[in-house]
Amino acid sequence: MRCYAVAQHLRRHPVICLITLAILACAAALWMLGSLLIAVAPKAVALPGLNAEAITLHAGPGQVVAASYLAGQGRGAILLLHGIRADRRQMVQRARFLHEQGYAILLIDLPGQGASTGDAVTFGLTEAEGVRVALAELRRRNAGQRIGVIGVSLGAASLVLCRDCGQLNAVVLESMYPTIEEAVADRLKMRFGAAGGPLSELLLMQLPLRLGVSREQLRPIDHVGSLKTSLLIAAGSADQHTTLPETQRLFQAAAEPKELWVVAGAGHVDLYAFSAADYERRIGVFMARNLRRDTR
């Protein structure tokens, strides 16, 4: 009888039923998209050709952070933080060029990325714990030396959202989102046009349900001004994931001393790979000025 009643209802109200099914299908698709955005898949990471010491750090109960370390020549130390859906390998070329300048280098897989454990991607919030323990290890191994950080996208946000990470002497933030609202909306607008805005709100509603995180906690722009350090913000002029006006707002919110480097023609890409010579020149001068005592 129940099946018969449902069939009768479908015949009497076909439009309503189709709309209901469409809404349910859309909700299911958005839930699946949310699952993909926060999914983690730890894997082994090898760095062939980089003669680095393998390190395992502990960010909390059951939280392992995989890292690689290159000892320096007493000229300062730099932590390298990769972007989302990546691992230490993304930062190997930066590590090589900076290590040749005499810096100690620490590369890590952010929590939930590469060989580091994690329950979910939290867009920098819990990843910040990996940054905190990595900085503590870098300082322990390089006592009395100046410390720098280069963070790309998720890595940049993880640093800015890190609490109790101590004083830094030089920070490079590449392609960092200002707020999670803009990060999600920009990406959906690229795929769905004007509909991306409303769809992004439906995705953002999942944050507290899935992660116990509010969107207010994912606003690097609110914290970038707290970085009391020499700061360089870099972004591609053609980046649609974090647009140039968004990057300019981040720069305005940052404290002095600060620099803005807009890489002409670059999108949301690896800025080192896009223009290696320019990158080495600009970042090399910035790090030498702020980390190496023999340049002062």
Protein backbone atom coordinates (compact mmCIF):
# COMPACT_ATOMS: atom_id res chain seq x y z
CA MET A 1 0.00 0.00 0.00
CA ARG A 2 2.81 2.41 0.85
CA CYS A 3 4.50 1.92 -2.55
CA TYR A 4 1.13 2.46 -4.23
CA ALA A 5 0.62 5.72 -2.32
CA VAL A 6 4.07 6.96 -3.34
CA ALA A 7 3.35 6.12 -6.97
CA GLN A 8 0.06 8.00 -6.81
CA HIS A 9 1.81 11.04 -5.28
CA LEU A 10 4.40 11.05 -8.06
CA ARG A 11 1.68 11.03 -10.70
CA ARG A 12 -0.21 13.89 -9.04
CA HIS A 13 2.80 16.13 -8.28
CA PRO A 14 5.53 15.32 -10.80
CA VAL A 15 7.10 18.80 -10.82
CA ILE A 16 7.40 18.96 -7.03
CA CYS A 17 8.89 15.50 -6.96
CA LEU A 18 11.43 16.36 -9.65
CA ILE A 19 12.45 19.51 -7.80
CA THR A 20 12.83 17.56 -4.57
CA LEU A 21 14.97 14.93 -6.28
CA ALA A 22 17.11 17.65 -7.87
CA ILE A 23 17.67 19.33 -4.50
CA LEU A 24 18.61 16.02 -2.90
CA ALA A 25 20.99 15.21 -5.75
CA CYS A 26 22.61 18.64 -5.46
CA ALA A 27 22.99 18.24 -1.69
CA ALA A 28 24.56 14.82 -2.16
CA ALA A 29 26.96 16.19 -4.78
CA LEU A 30 28.00 19.06 -2.50
CA TRP A 31 28.55 16.66 0.38
CA MET A 32 30.74 14.50 -1.85
CA LEU A 33 32.65 17.59 -3.00
CA GLY A 34 33.17 18.56 0.63
CA SER A 35 34.50 15.07 1.31
CA LEU A 36 37.03 15.43 -1.51
CA LEU A 37 38.18 18.85 -0.29
CA ILE A 38 39.06 17.63 3.21
CA ALA A 39 40.19 14.10 2.37
CA VAL A 40 43.70 13.00 3.37
CA ALA A 41 45.70 10.13 1.93
CA PRO A 42 49.09 9.75 3.66
CA LYS A 43 51.79 8.19 1.48
CA ALA A 44 55.51 7.57 1.53
CA VAL A 45 57.62 10.46 0.28
CA ALA A 46 61.11 10.02 -1.17
CA LEU A 47 63.49 12.88 -1.97
CA PRO A 48 66.03 11.36 -4.38
CA GLY A 49 69.08 13.49 -4.98
CA LEU A 50 68.62 15.48 -1.78
CA ASN A 51 71.06 14.26 0.83
CA ALA A 52 68.81 15.14 3.76
CA GLU A 53 68.38 13.64 7.21
CA ALA A 54 64.96 12.04 7.71
CA ILE A 55 63.21 13.30 10.85
CA THR A 56 59.96 12.37 12.57
CA LEU A 57 58.30 15.04 14.71
CA HIS A 58 55.29 14.70 17.02
CA ALA A 59 52.59 17.35 16.93
CA GLY A 60 50.31 15.66 19.47
CA PRO A 61 48.89 12.26 20.43
CA GLY A 62 49.14 10.06 17.36
CA GLN A 63 50.12 13.02 15.16
CA VAL A 64 53.34 12.39 13.23
CA VAL A 65 55.02 15.01 11.06
CA ALA A 66 57.49 13.68 8.50
CA ALA A 67 60.42 15.99 7.74
CA SER A 68 63.80 16.26 6.02
CA TYR A 69 66.70 18.34 7.31
CA LEU A 70 69.77 19.84 5.66
CA ALA A 71 72.40 21.27 8.01
CA GLY A 72 73.66 24.74 7.15
CA GLN A 73 76.78 26.83 7.57
CA GLY A 74 75.62 29.01 10.45
CA ARG A 75 74.04 31.67 8.24
CA GLY A 76 70.45 31.12 9.36
CA ALA A 77 67.75 28.47 9.00
CA ILE A 78 64.63 28.26 6.83
CA LEU A 79 61.44 26.19 7.14
CA LEU A 80 59.74 25.30 3.85
CA LEU A 81 55.97 24.67 3.78
CA HIS A 82 54.26 23.25 0.70
CA GLY A 83 50.76 23.81 -0.69
CA ILE A 84 47.58 21.73 -0.53
CA ARG A 85 47.54 18.26 -2.15
CA ALA A 86 51.33 18.31 -2.17
CA ASP A 87 54.26 17.35 0.07
CA ARG A 88 57.95 18.13 0.68
CA ARG A 89 58.80 17.37 -2.93
CA GLN A 90 57.15 20.62 -4.01
CA MET A 91 59.82 22.52 -2.07
CA VAL A 92 62.93 20.57 -3.10
CA GLN A 93 64.16 23.08 -5.69
CA ARG A 94 63.79 25.91 -3.18
CA ALA A 95 65.67 23.77 -0.64
CA ARG A 96 68.56 23.19 -3.03
CA PHE A 97 69.03 26.82 -3.96
CA LEU A 98 68.75 28.08 -0.38
CA HIS A 99 71.01 25.37 1.01
CA GLU A 100 73.65 26.41 -1.52
CA GLN A 101 73.49 29.87 0.09
CA GLY A 102 74.54 28.31 3.40
CA TYR A 103 71.17 28.10 5.17
CA ALA A 104 69.97 25.14 7.20
CA ILE A 105 66.76 23.85 5.65
CA LEU A 106 63.82 21.95 7.13
CA LEU A 107 61.14 20.59 4.83
CA ILE A 108 58.00 19.02 6.29
CA ASP A 109 54.88 17.31 5.07
CA LEU A 110 52.02 19.27 6.60
CA PRO A 111 49.65 17.20 8.78
CA GLY A 112 47.44 15.04 6.57
CA GLN A 113 49.70 15.56 3.54
CA GLY A 114 52.53 13.38 2.26
CA ALA A 115 53.82 11.03 4.96
CA SER A 116 52.41 13.06 7.87
CA THR A 117 49.32 11.85 9.67
CA GLY A 118 46.11 13.82 10.02
CA ASP A 119 42.37 13.28 10.13
CA ALA A 120 41.37 15.89 7.56
CA VAL A 121 42.50 18.99 5.70
CA THR A 122 41.55 22.01 7.82
CA PHE A 123 42.93 24.71 5.51
CA GLY A 124 45.71 25.73 7.86
CA LEU A 125 44.12 25.51 11.30
CA THR A 126 45.33 22.15 12.62
CA GLU A 127 48.16 22.08 10.07
CA ALA A 128 49.58 24.94 12.14
CA GLU A 129 50.51 22.42 14.85
CA GLY A 130 52.91 20.80 12.40
CA VAL A 131 54.42 24.22 11.72
CA ARG A 132 54.82 24.88 15.45
CA VAL A 133 56.76 21.68 16.17
CA ALA A 134 58.84 22.11 13.02
CA LEU A 135 59.91 25.60 14.08
CA ALA A 136 60.76 24.34 17.55
CA GLU A 137 62.99 21.65 16.01
CA LEU A 138 64.63 24.11 13.63
CA ARG A 139 65.44 26.48 16.49
CA ARG A 140 66.79 23.63 18.61
CA ARG A 141 69.19 22.61 15.85
CA ASN A 142 70.20 26.19 15.03
CA ALA A 143 70.34 27.92 18.39
CA GLY A 144 71.09 31.62 18.17
CA GLN A 145 70.57 31.82 14.42
CA ARG A 146 67.93 33.81 12.57
CA ILE A 147 64.90 31.88 11.34
CA GLY A 148 62.97 32.27 8.09
CA VAL A 149 59.90 30.58 6.61
CA ILE A 150 58.62 30.18 3.07
CA GLY A 151 55.01 29.03 2.88
CA VAL A 152 53.05 28.26 -0.28
CA SER A 153 49.23 28.48 -0.29
CA LEU A 154 48.15 26.05 2.47
CA GLY A 155 51.64 26.24 3.97
CA ALA A 156 51.44 30.02 4.11
CA ALA A 157 48.03 29.92 5.80
CA SER A 158 49.28 27.31 8.27
CA LEU A 159 52.08 29.63 9.36
CA VAL A 160 49.86 32.70 9.69
CA LEU A 161 47.27 30.75 11.69
CA CYS A 162 49.96 29.28 13.95
CA ARG A 163 49.79 30.40 17.57
CA ASP A 164 52.84 30.34 19.85
CA CYS A 165 55.21 29.91 16.92
CA GLY A 166 57.69 32.44 18.25
CA GLN A 167 59.59 35.29 16.68
CA LEU A 168 60.67 34.99 13.05
CA ASN A 169 63.16 37.08 11.11
CA ALA A 170 61.98 36.62 7.53
CA VAL A 171 58.73 35.25 6.09
CA VAL A 172 57.66 34.69 2.48
CA LEU A 173 53.96 34.03 1.91
CA GLU A 174 53.12 32.78 -1.57
CA SER A 175 49.61 32.62 -3.06
CA MET A 176 47.81 32.66 0.31
CA TYR A 177 44.05 33.03 0.60
CA PRO A 178 42.75 35.92 2.77
CA THR A 179 39.54 34.23 3.98
CA ILE A 180 38.07 30.78 3.52
CA GLU A 181 34.93 32.35 2.05
CA GLU A 182 36.93 33.90 -0.78
CA ALA A 183 39.05 30.78 -1.27
CA VAL A 184 36.02 28.55 -1.78
CA ALA A 185 34.03 31.08 -3.81
CA ASP A 186 36.94 31.80 -6.17
CA ARG A 187 37.42 28.12 -6.95
CA LEU A 188 33.73 27.43 -7.52
CA LYS A 189 33.29 30.52 -9.68
CA MET A 190 36.08 29.23 -11.91
CA ARG A 191 34.06 26.07 -12.50
CA PHE A 192 30.43 27.17 -12.25
CA GLY A 193 30.46 30.89 -13.00
CA ALA A 194 28.03 33.10 -11.09
CA ALA A 195 26.48 30.04 -9.43
CA GLY A 196 29.75 29.46 -7.60
CA GLY A 197 28.95 32.11 -4.98
CA PRO A 198 25.75 30.49 -3.64
CA LEU A 199 27.28 27.02 -3.94
CA SER A 200 30.26 28.11 -1.85
CA GLU A 201 27.94 29.01 1.01
CA LEU A 202 26.55 25.49 0.99
CA LEU A 203 30.06 24.08 1.17
CA LEU A 204 31.08 26.42 3.97
CA MET A 205 28.11 25.27 6.03
CA GLN A 206 29.84 21.89 6.25
CA LEU A 207 32.87 23.24 8.16
CA PRO A 208 31.41 23.00 11.68
CA LEU A 209 29.59 19.75 10.85
CA ARG A 210 32.62 17.94 9.49
CA LEU A 211 35.59 19.61 11.20
CA GLY A 212 34.23 21.48 14.20
CA VAL A 213 35.74 24.60 12.62
CA SER A 214 34.08 27.95 12.01
CA ARG A 215 34.79 30.14 9.03
CA GLU A 216 35.91 32.87 11.44
CA GLN A 217 38.86 30.66 12.41
CA LEU A 218 40.03 30.52 8.78
CA ARG A 219 40.80 34.16 8.09
CA PRO A 220 44.56 34.59 7.62
CA ILE A 221 43.96 38.24 6.79
CA ASP A 222 42.97 38.81 10.43
CA HIS A 223 46.31 37.45 11.66
CA VAL A 224 48.87 38.48 9.06
CA GLY A 225 49.35 41.81 10.84
CA SER A 226 50.57 39.91 13.92
CA LEU A 227 53.67 38.68 12.09
CA LYS A 228 56.27 40.98 13.57
CA THR A 229 58.91 40.15 11.00
CA SER A 230 60.29 41.18 7.63
CA LEU A 231 57.58 39.98 5.25
CA LEU A 232 57.42 39.35 1.53
CA ILE A 233 54.04 38.52 -0.02
CA ALA A 234 54.22 36.96 -3.49
CA ALA A 235 51.44 36.14 -5.94
CA GLY A 236 50.81 35.64 -9.63
CA SER A 237 49.13 38.47 -11.49
CA ALA A 238 46.84 35.97 -13.23
CA ASP A 239 45.98 33.90 -10.15
CA GLN A 240 42.25 33.17 -10.05
CA HIS A 241 42.38 31.01 -6.90
CA THR A 242 43.58 34.00 -4.89
CA THR A 243 43.02 37.09 -7.02
CA LEU A 244 45.39 40.03 -7.14
CA PRO A 245 42.94 42.36 -5.33
CA GLU A 246 42.72 39.77 -2.52
CA THR A 247 46.52 39.62 -2.32
CA GLN A 248 46.67 43.42 -2.22
CA ARG A 249 44.24 43.41 0.72
CA LEU A 250 46.49 40.93 2.51
CA PHE A 251 49.46 43.20 1.89
CA GLN A 252 47.59 46.21 3.25
CA ALA A 253 46.71 44.26 6.41
CA ALA A 254 50.33 43.22 7.02
CA ALA A 255 52.67 45.15 9.28
CA GLU A 256 55.88 46.83 8.16
CA PRO A 257 58.51 46.01 7.04
CA LYS A 258 56.86 44.36 4.05
CA GLU A 259 57.26 43.83 0.32
CA LEU A 260 54.81 42.82 -2.40
CA TRP A 261 56.05 40.83 -5.37
CA VAL A 262 53.55 40.32 -8.18
CA VAL A 263 54.83 37.73 -10.65
CA ALA A 264 53.63 38.88 -14.06
CA GLY A 265 51.62 36.27 -15.95
CA ALA A 266 51.67 33.63 -13.22
CA GLY A 267 48.51 31.92 -12.08
CA HIS A 268 48.06 29.77 -8.97
CA VAL A 269 51.25 27.90 -9.78
CA ASP A 270 54.61 27.11 -8.26
CA LEU A 271 56.24 30.53 -8.52
CA TYR A 272 59.72 29.02 -8.39
CA ALA A 273 58.98 26.72 -11.32
CA PHE A 274 57.31 29.58 -13.21
CA SER A 275 60.33 31.88 -13.04
CA ALA A 276 63.29 30.25 -11.29
CA ALA A 277 65.85 32.96 -12.03
CA ASP A 278 63.61 35.79 -10.83
CA TYR A 279 62.60 33.75 -7.79
CA GLU A 280 66.18 33.00 -6.76
CA ARG A 281 67.19 36.62 -7.22
CA ARG A 282 64.25 38.13 -5.32
CA ILE A 283 64.01 35.58 -2.50
CA GLY A 284 67.79 35.19 -2.25
CA VAL A 285 68.27 38.91 -1.63
CA PHE A 286 65.36 39.00 0.83
CA MET A 287 66.66 36.10 2.90
CA ALA A 288 70.28 37.31 2.87
CA ARG A 289 69.25 40.75 4.06
CA ASN A 290 67.22 39.39 6.95
CA LEU A 291 68.97 36.18 8.00
CA ARG A 292 72.69 36.45 7.29
CA ARG A 293 74.61 38.41 9.89
CA ASP A 294 77.48 38.98 7.47
CA THR A 295 75.26 41.13 5.23
CA ARG A 296 74.37 43.66 7.92
